[in-house]
Amino acid sequence: MSGTKQDYIDYRILKSIELFEDAKLLALNQRWNSSVNRLYYSSFQIISALLYKNNIKADTHNGIKTQFNLHYIKPGIVSIEYGKLYSNLFAWRQESDYSDFIDFDEETVAPLINQVLEMNNFILDLTKRGTTI
């Protein structure tokens, strides 16, 4: 990786925003599985930025989820509801990518858009404030 630590964090934040916008476009076109995938990756990117900002190492998707739960959900810095949302996104992304006959619908995905936006904004605020654990 070239660049500074802040460059990496800024890159992850921008990727998160871009992926969230992609998720909204996919939802508008009723591409529900792909929208869930992009919502997951949007959250993954912003959570990765937060962990990196606080020198928490995680090399895999499961590692990111585990470290996020350990350092932010369990101590109450981030709400249990956001922890559940991220865990669900993780599972749903896995299902939609690797399982057959998984078809998300508007009823499931449409509410996720605002929930993910709220969670991502909360995580972004933590990242920008430099909240340490």
N, C-alpha and C. Protein backbone atom coordinates (compact mmCIF):
# COMPACT_ATOMS: atom_id res chain seq x y z
N MET A 1 0.84 -1.18 0.00
CA MET A 1 0.00 0.00 0.00
C MET A 1 0.88 1.24 0.00
N SER A 2 0.59 2.17 -0.88
CA SER A 2 1.31 3.44 -0.86
C SER A 2 0.36 4.49 -0.31
N GLY A 3 0.95 5.56 0.19
CA GLY A 3 0.13 6.60 0.79
C GLY A 3 0.16 6.49 2.30
N THR A 4 -0.48 7.46 2.92
CA THR A 4 -0.49 7.51 4.37
C THR A 4 -1.65 6.69 4.94
N LYS A 5 -1.62 6.55 6.23
CA LYS A 5 -2.73 5.88 6.91
C LYS A 5 -4.04 6.61 6.61
N GLN A 6 -4.01 7.93 6.65
CA GLN A 6 -5.22 8.71 6.38
C GLN A 6 -5.68 8.54 4.94
N ASP A 7 -4.74 8.40 4.00
CA ASP A 7 -5.11 8.14 2.60
C ASP A 7 -5.92 6.85 2.49
N TYR A 8 -5.47 5.82 3.19
CA TYR A 8 -6.16 4.53 3.17
C TYR A 8 -7.56 4.66 3.77
N ILE A 9 -7.66 5.36 4.89
CA ILE A 9 -8.96 5.57 5.55
C ILE A 9 -9.89 6.36 4.63
N ASP A 10 -9.38 7.42 4.04
CA ASP A 10 -10.20 8.23 3.12
C ASP A 10 -10.67 7.41 1.93
N TYR A 11 -9.79 6.57 1.41
CA TYR A 11 -10.14 5.71 0.28
C TYR A 11 -11.29 4.78 0.66
N ARG A 12 -11.21 4.15 1.83
CA ARG A 12 -12.27 3.25 2.28
C ARG A 12 -13.59 4.00 2.47
N ILE A 13 -13.53 5.20 2.99
CA ILE A 13 -14.74 6.00 3.17
C ILE A 13 -15.38 6.31 1.82
N LEU A 14 -14.57 6.74 0.86
CA LEU A 14 -15.10 7.04 -0.47
C LEU A 14 -15.68 5.80 -1.14
N LYS A 15 -15.02 4.65 -0.99
CA LYS A 15 -15.55 3.40 -1.53
C LYS A 15 -16.90 3.07 -0.89
N SER A 16 -17.01 3.28 0.40
CA SER A 16 -18.26 3.00 1.11
C SER A 16 -19.40 3.84 0.54
N ILE A 17 -19.13 5.11 0.34
CA ILE A 17 -20.16 6.02 -0.20
C ILE A 17 -20.54 5.60 -1.62
N GLU A 18 -19.55 5.29 -2.44
CA GLU A 18 -19.81 4.87 -3.82
C GLU A 18 -20.63 3.57 -3.86
N LEU A 19 -20.28 2.62 -3.03
CA LEU A 19 -21.00 1.35 -3.00
C LEU A 19 -22.43 1.52 -2.51
N PHE A 20 -22.63 2.43 -1.56
CA PHE A 20 -23.98 2.70 -1.09
C PHE A 20 -24.83 3.30 -2.22
N GLU A 21 -24.26 4.22 -2.96
CA GLU A 21 -24.98 4.80 -4.11
C GLU A 21 -25.31 3.72 -5.14
N ASP A 22 -24.38 2.80 -5.36
CA ASP A 22 -24.65 1.67 -6.26
C ASP A 22 -25.83 0.85 -5.76
N ALA A 23 -25.87 0.60 -4.46
CA ALA A 23 -26.96 -0.20 -3.87
C ALA A 23 -28.32 0.47 -4.12
N LYS A 24 -28.35 1.79 -4.00
CA LYS A 24 -29.61 2.51 -4.25
C LYS A 24 -30.02 2.39 -5.72
N LEU A 25 -29.07 2.53 -6.63
CA LEU A 25 -29.38 2.40 -8.06
C LEU A 25 -29.88 0.99 -8.38
N LEU A 26 -29.25 0.01 -7.81
CA LEU A 26 -29.69 -1.37 -8.04
C LEU A 26 -31.10 -1.59 -7.50
N ALA A 27 -31.40 -1.03 -6.34
CA ALA A 27 -32.74 -1.16 -5.77
C ALA A 27 -33.78 -0.49 -6.67
N LEU A 28 -33.44 0.68 -7.20
CA LEU A 28 -34.37 1.37 -8.10
C LEU A 28 -34.69 0.52 -9.32
N ASN A 29 -33.76 -0.34 -9.70
CA ASN A 29 -33.95 -1.23 -10.84
C ASN A 29 -34.37 -2.63 -10.43
N GLN A 30 -34.80 -2.77 -9.18
CA GLN A 30 -35.31 -4.02 -8.63
C GLN A 30 -34.30 -5.17 -8.72
N ARG A 31 -33.06 -4.85 -8.59
CA ARG A 31 -31.98 -5.85 -8.56
C ARG A 31 -31.64 -6.08 -7.08
N TRP A 32 -32.54 -6.78 -6.40
CA TRP A 32 -32.50 -6.88 -4.94
C TRP A 32 -31.27 -7.62 -4.42
N ASN A 33 -30.89 -8.73 -5.01
CA ASN A 33 -29.72 -9.47 -4.55
C ASN A 33 -28.45 -8.63 -4.69
N SER A 34 -28.32 -7.98 -5.82
CA SER A 34 -27.15 -7.14 -6.04
C SER A 34 -27.15 -5.93 -5.12
N SER A 35 -28.31 -5.42 -4.81
CA SER A 35 -28.41 -4.30 -3.88
C SER A 35 -27.94 -4.71 -2.49
N VAL A 36 -28.35 -5.89 -2.04
CA VAL A 36 -27.90 -6.40 -0.73
C VAL A 36 -26.38 -6.55 -0.74
N ASN A 37 -25.83 -7.06 -1.81
CA ASN A 37 -24.39 -7.22 -1.93
C ASN A 37 -23.68 -5.88 -1.77
N ARG A 38 -24.15 -4.86 -2.46
CA ARG A 38 -23.52 -3.54 -2.39
C ARG A 38 -23.72 -2.89 -1.02
N LEU A 39 -24.89 -3.12 -0.38
CA LEU A 39 -25.10 -2.61 0.97
C LEU A 39 -24.09 -3.22 1.94
N TYR A 40 -23.89 -4.53 1.80
CA TYR A 40 -22.90 -5.19 2.65
C TYR A 40 -21.52 -4.58 2.44
N TYR A 41 -21.10 -4.47 1.18
CA TYR A 41 -19.75 -3.97 0.92
C TYR A 41 -19.59 -2.51 1.33
N SER A 42 -20.66 -1.75 1.26
CA SER A 42 -20.61 -0.37 1.73
C SER A 42 -20.29 -0.33 3.22
N SER A 43 -20.96 -1.17 3.99
CA SER A 43 -20.70 -1.23 5.43
C SER A 43 -19.33 -1.83 5.72
N PHE A 44 -18.97 -2.86 4.96
CA PHE A 44 -17.66 -3.48 5.11
C PHE A 44 -16.54 -2.44 4.96
N GLN A 45 -16.65 -1.58 3.96
CA GLN A 45 -15.61 -0.58 3.72
C GLN A 45 -15.51 0.43 4.86
N ILE A 46 -16.65 0.91 5.36
CA ILE A 46 -16.60 1.92 6.41
C ILE A 46 -16.13 1.30 7.73
N ILE A 47 -16.53 0.07 8.00
CA ILE A 47 -16.06 -0.61 9.20
C ILE A 47 -14.57 -0.90 9.10
N SER A 48 -14.11 -1.26 7.91
CA SER A 48 -12.67 -1.47 7.70
C SER A 48 -11.89 -0.19 8.00
N ALA A 49 -12.42 0.95 7.57
CA ALA A 49 -11.77 2.24 7.84
C ALA A 49 -11.69 2.49 9.34
N LEU A 50 -12.77 2.23 10.05
CA LEU A 50 -12.78 2.43 11.50
C LEU A 50 -11.76 1.54 12.20
N LEU A 51 -11.73 0.28 11.84
CA LEU A 51 -10.78 -0.64 12.46
C LEU A 51 -9.35 -0.22 12.16
N TYR A 52 -9.08 0.13 10.91
CA TYR A 52 -7.73 0.54 10.52
C TYR A 52 -7.31 1.80 11.27
N LYS A 53 -8.24 2.73 11.41
CA LYS A 53 -7.96 3.98 12.14
C LYS A 53 -7.48 3.68 13.55
N ASN A 54 -8.02 2.62 14.13
CA ASN A 54 -7.70 2.26 15.52
C ASN A 54 -6.72 1.10 15.63
N ASN A 55 -6.01 0.85 14.51
CA ASN A 55 -4.94 -0.15 14.50
C ASN A 55 -5.41 -1.55 14.87
N ILE A 56 -6.63 -1.88 14.46
CA ILE A 56 -7.18 -3.21 14.70
C ILE A 56 -7.04 -4.00 13.40
N LYS A 57 -6.28 -5.06 13.44
CA LYS A 57 -5.96 -5.83 12.25
C LYS A 57 -7.00 -6.93 12.02
N ALA A 58 -7.45 -7.01 10.79
CA ALA A 58 -8.34 -8.09 10.36
C ALA A 58 -8.11 -8.30 8.87
N ASP A 59 -7.88 -9.54 8.48
CA ASP A 59 -7.51 -9.83 7.10
C ASP A 59 -8.62 -10.44 6.26
N THR A 60 -9.73 -10.80 6.88
CA THR A 60 -10.81 -11.46 6.14
C THR A 60 -12.13 -10.77 6.46
N HIS A 61 -13.14 -11.11 5.68
CA HIS A 61 -14.48 -10.58 5.96
C HIS A 61 -14.95 -11.01 7.34
N ASN A 62 -14.75 -12.28 7.66
CA ASN A 62 -15.14 -12.77 8.97
C ASN A 62 -14.31 -12.10 10.07
N GLY A 63 -13.05 -11.84 9.78
CA GLY A 63 -12.19 -11.15 10.74
C GLY A 63 -12.67 -9.74 11.02
N ILE A 64 -13.10 -9.04 9.98
CA ILE A 64 -13.65 -7.68 10.15
C ILE A 64 -14.88 -7.74 11.05
N LYS A 65 -15.76 -8.69 10.76
CA LYS A 65 -16.99 -8.83 11.56
C LYS A 65 -16.65 -9.16 13.01
N THR A 66 -15.72 -10.07 13.22
CA THR A 66 -15.34 -10.48 14.57
C THR A 66 -14.72 -9.32 15.34
N GLN A 67 -13.79 -8.60 14.71
CA GLN A 67 -13.13 -7.49 15.39
C GLN A 67 -14.10 -6.34 15.67
N PHE A 68 -15.01 -6.08 14.74
CA PHE A 68 -16.03 -5.06 14.94
C PHE A 68 -16.90 -5.41 16.16
N ASN A 69 -17.33 -6.65 16.22
CA ASN A 69 -18.14 -7.09 17.37
C ASN A 69 -17.35 -7.00 18.67
N LEU A 70 -16.13 -7.46 18.65
CA LEU A 70 -15.30 -7.49 19.86
C LEU A 70 -14.99 -6.10 20.38
N HIS A 71 -14.62 -5.18 19.50
CA HIS A 71 -14.13 -3.88 19.93
C HIS A 71 -15.18 -2.77 19.96
N TYR A 72 -16.31 -2.97 19.28
CA TYR A 72 -17.29 -1.89 19.19
C TYR A 72 -18.69 -2.29 19.64
N ILE A 73 -19.13 -3.49 19.33
CA ILE A 73 -20.48 -3.90 19.72
C ILE A 73 -20.48 -4.34 21.18
N LYS A 74 -19.63 -5.26 21.52
CA LYS A 74 -19.58 -5.82 22.88
C LYS A 74 -19.39 -4.74 23.95
N PRO A 75 -18.48 -3.78 23.76
CA PRO A 75 -18.33 -2.73 24.79
C PRO A 75 -19.41 -1.65 24.74
N GLY A 76 -20.31 -1.69 23.75
CA GLY A 76 -21.41 -0.73 23.71
C GLY A 76 -21.10 0.57 22.99
N ILE A 77 -19.98 0.65 22.30
CA ILE A 77 -19.65 1.85 21.53
C ILE A 77 -20.61 1.98 20.34
N VAL A 78 -20.93 0.85 19.74
CA VAL A 78 -21.89 0.77 18.65
C VAL A 78 -23.03 -0.13 19.12
N SER A 79 -24.25 0.24 18.77
CA SER A 79 -25.43 -0.47 19.27
C SER A 79 -25.49 -1.93 18.79
N ILE A 80 -26.12 -2.74 19.59
CA ILE A 80 -26.35 -4.14 19.24
C ILE A 80 -27.16 -4.23 17.95
N GLU A 81 -28.09 -3.30 17.74
CA GLU A 81 -28.89 -3.31 16.52
C GLU A 81 -28.01 -3.17 15.28
N TYR A 82 -27.01 -2.30 15.35
CA TYR A 82 -26.09 -2.17 14.21
C TYR A 82 -25.24 -3.43 14.05
N GLY A 83 -24.87 -4.04 15.16
CA GLY A 83 -24.14 -5.30 15.08
C GLY A 83 -24.96 -6.38 14.40
N LYS A 84 -26.23 -6.45 14.75
CA LYS A 84 -27.12 -7.43 14.11
C LYS A 84 -27.31 -7.13 12.63
N LEU A 85 -27.47 -5.85 12.32
CA LEU A 85 -27.64 -5.45 10.92
C LEU A 85 -26.42 -5.87 10.11
N TYR A 86 -25.23 -5.57 10.62
CA TYR A 86 -24.02 -5.94 9.88
C TYR A 86 -23.88 -7.45 9.75
N SER A 87 -24.19 -8.17 10.81
CA SER A 87 -24.14 -9.64 10.75
C SER A 87 -25.13 -10.19 9.73
N ASN A 88 -26.33 -9.62 9.70
CA ASN A 88 -27.32 -10.04 8.70
C ASN A 88 -26.84 -9.74 7.28
N LEU A 89 -26.30 -8.55 7.07
CA LEU A 89 -25.78 -8.21 5.74
C LEU A 89 -24.68 -9.18 5.32
N PHE A 90 -23.81 -9.51 6.27
CA PHE A 90 -22.73 -10.47 6.01
C PHE A 90 -23.32 -11.81 5.56
N ALA A 91 -24.29 -12.31 6.31
CA ALA A 91 -24.91 -13.61 5.99
C ALA A 91 -25.67 -13.55 4.67
N TRP A 92 -26.43 -12.48 4.45
CA TRP A 92 -27.21 -12.36 3.23
C TRP A 92 -26.32 -12.23 2.01
N ARG A 93 -25.22 -11.51 2.15
CA ARG A 93 -24.28 -11.40 1.03
C ARG A 93 -23.72 -12.78 0.69
N GLN A 94 -23.37 -13.55 1.71
CA GLN A 94 -22.87 -14.91 1.50
C GLN A 94 -23.92 -15.75 0.77
N GLU A 95 -25.16 -15.69 1.26
CA GLU A 95 -26.24 -16.47 0.65
C GLU A 95 -26.46 -16.08 -0.80
N SER A 96 -26.54 -14.78 -1.05
CA SER A 96 -26.84 -14.35 -2.41
C SER A 96 -25.69 -14.65 -3.36
N ASP A 97 -24.47 -14.68 -2.87
CA ASP A 97 -23.32 -14.98 -3.72
C ASP A 97 -23.11 -16.47 -3.95
N TYR A 98 -23.41 -17.28 -2.94
CA TYR A 98 -22.98 -18.67 -3.00
C TYR A 98 -24.09 -19.72 -2.94
N SER A 99 -25.31 -19.31 -2.66
CA SER A 99 -26.40 -20.28 -2.58
C SER A 99 -27.32 -20.14 -3.79
N ASP A 100 -27.96 -21.23 -4.10
CA ASP A 100 -28.93 -21.22 -5.19
C ASP A 100 -30.31 -20.86 -4.67
N PHE A 101 -31.11 -20.28 -5.54
CA PHE A 101 -32.51 -19.98 -5.27
C PHE A 101 -32.70 -19.01 -4.11
N ILE A 102 -31.80 -18.06 -3.97
CA ILE A 102 -31.96 -16.99 -2.98
C ILE A 102 -32.40 -15.75 -3.76
N ASP A 103 -33.58 -15.29 -3.47
CA ASP A 103 -34.11 -14.13 -4.16
C ASP A 103 -34.66 -13.14 -3.14
N PHE A 104 -33.94 -12.07 -2.94
CA PHE A 104 -34.44 -11.01 -2.07
C PHE A 104 -35.52 -10.22 -2.80
N ASP A 105 -36.34 -9.53 -2.02
CA ASP A 105 -37.43 -8.76 -2.62
C ASP A 105 -37.45 -7.35 -2.04
N GLU A 106 -38.30 -6.54 -2.60
CA GLU A 106 -38.41 -5.15 -2.18
C GLU A 106 -38.75 -5.02 -0.70
N GLU A 107 -39.64 -5.85 -0.23
CA GLU A 107 -40.08 -5.80 1.17
C GLU A 107 -38.90 -5.99 2.13
N THR A 108 -37.95 -6.81 1.75
CA THR A 108 -36.78 -7.07 2.58
C THR A 108 -35.72 -5.99 2.41
N VAL A 109 -35.46 -5.60 1.17
CA VAL A 109 -34.31 -4.76 0.87
C VAL A 109 -34.59 -3.27 1.07
N ALA A 110 -35.75 -2.79 0.69
CA ALA A 110 -36.03 -1.35 0.76
C ALA A 110 -35.76 -0.76 2.14
N PRO A 111 -36.22 -1.40 3.22
CA PRO A 111 -35.93 -0.83 4.55
C PRO A 111 -34.44 -0.85 4.91
N LEU A 112 -33.71 -1.77 4.33
CA LEU A 112 -32.27 -1.88 4.63
C LEU A 112 -31.51 -0.64 4.18
N ILE A 113 -31.98 -0.01 3.13
CA ILE A 113 -31.25 1.14 2.59
C ILE A 113 -31.11 2.23 3.64
N ASN A 114 -32.19 2.60 4.29
CA ASN A 114 -32.11 3.63 5.32
C ASN A 114 -31.38 3.13 6.56
N GLN A 115 -31.57 1.87 6.91
CA GLN A 115 -30.87 1.31 8.07
C GLN A 115 -29.36 1.32 7.86
N VAL A 116 -28.93 0.93 6.68
CA VAL A 116 -27.49 0.90 6.38
C VAL A 116 -26.95 2.33 6.32
N LEU A 117 -27.69 3.25 5.74
CA LEU A 117 -27.25 4.64 5.70
C LEU A 117 -27.03 5.17 7.11
N GLU A 118 -27.98 4.91 7.99
CA GLU A 118 -27.88 5.36 9.38
C GLU A 118 -26.65 4.74 10.06
N MET A 119 -26.48 3.43 9.90
CA MET A 119 -25.35 2.76 10.52
C MET A 119 -24.03 3.29 9.95
N ASN A 120 -23.94 3.38 8.63
CA ASN A 120 -22.70 3.85 8.01
C ASN A 120 -22.36 5.26 8.46
N ASN A 121 -23.36 6.13 8.58
CA ASN A 121 -23.11 7.49 9.04
C ASN A 121 -22.61 7.51 10.48
N PHE A 122 -23.16 6.63 11.31
CA PHE A 122 -22.69 6.53 12.69
C PHE A 122 -21.23 6.08 12.72
N ILE A 123 -20.90 5.07 11.94
CA ILE A 123 -19.53 4.55 11.88
C ILE A 123 -18.59 5.63 11.30
N LEU A 124 -19.05 6.33 10.29
CA LEU A 124 -18.26 7.40 9.70
C LEU A 124 -17.95 8.46 10.74
N ASP A 125 -18.94 8.83 11.54
CA ASP A 125 -18.73 9.82 12.59
C ASP A 125 -17.68 9.32 13.59
N LEU A 126 -17.77 8.05 13.99
CA LEU A 126 -16.76 7.49 14.89
C LEU A 126 -15.37 7.57 14.26
N THR A 127 -15.30 7.27 13.00
CA THR A 127 -14.01 7.28 12.30
C THR A 127 -13.45 8.69 12.21
N LYS A 128 -14.28 9.63 11.88
CA LYS A 128 -13.81 11.03 11.74
C LYS A 128 -13.46 11.65 13.08
N ARG A 129 -14.18 11.28 14.13
CA ARG A 129 -13.88 11.82 15.46
C ARG A 129 -12.59 11.23 16.01
N GLY A 130 -12.13 10.16 15.40
CA GLY A 130 -10.93 9.52 15.90
C GLY A 130 -11.18 8.75 17.18
N THR A 131 -12.41 8.28 17.34
CA THR A 131 -12.75 7.52 18.53
C THR A 131 -11.83 6.32 18.66
N THR A 132 -11.20 6.24 19.78
CA THR A 132 -10.31 5.10 20.03
C THR A 132 -10.93 4.21 21.09
N ILE A 133 -10.45 3.00 21.10
CA ILE A 133 -10.96 2.02 22.07
C ILE A 133 -9.92 1.76 23.13
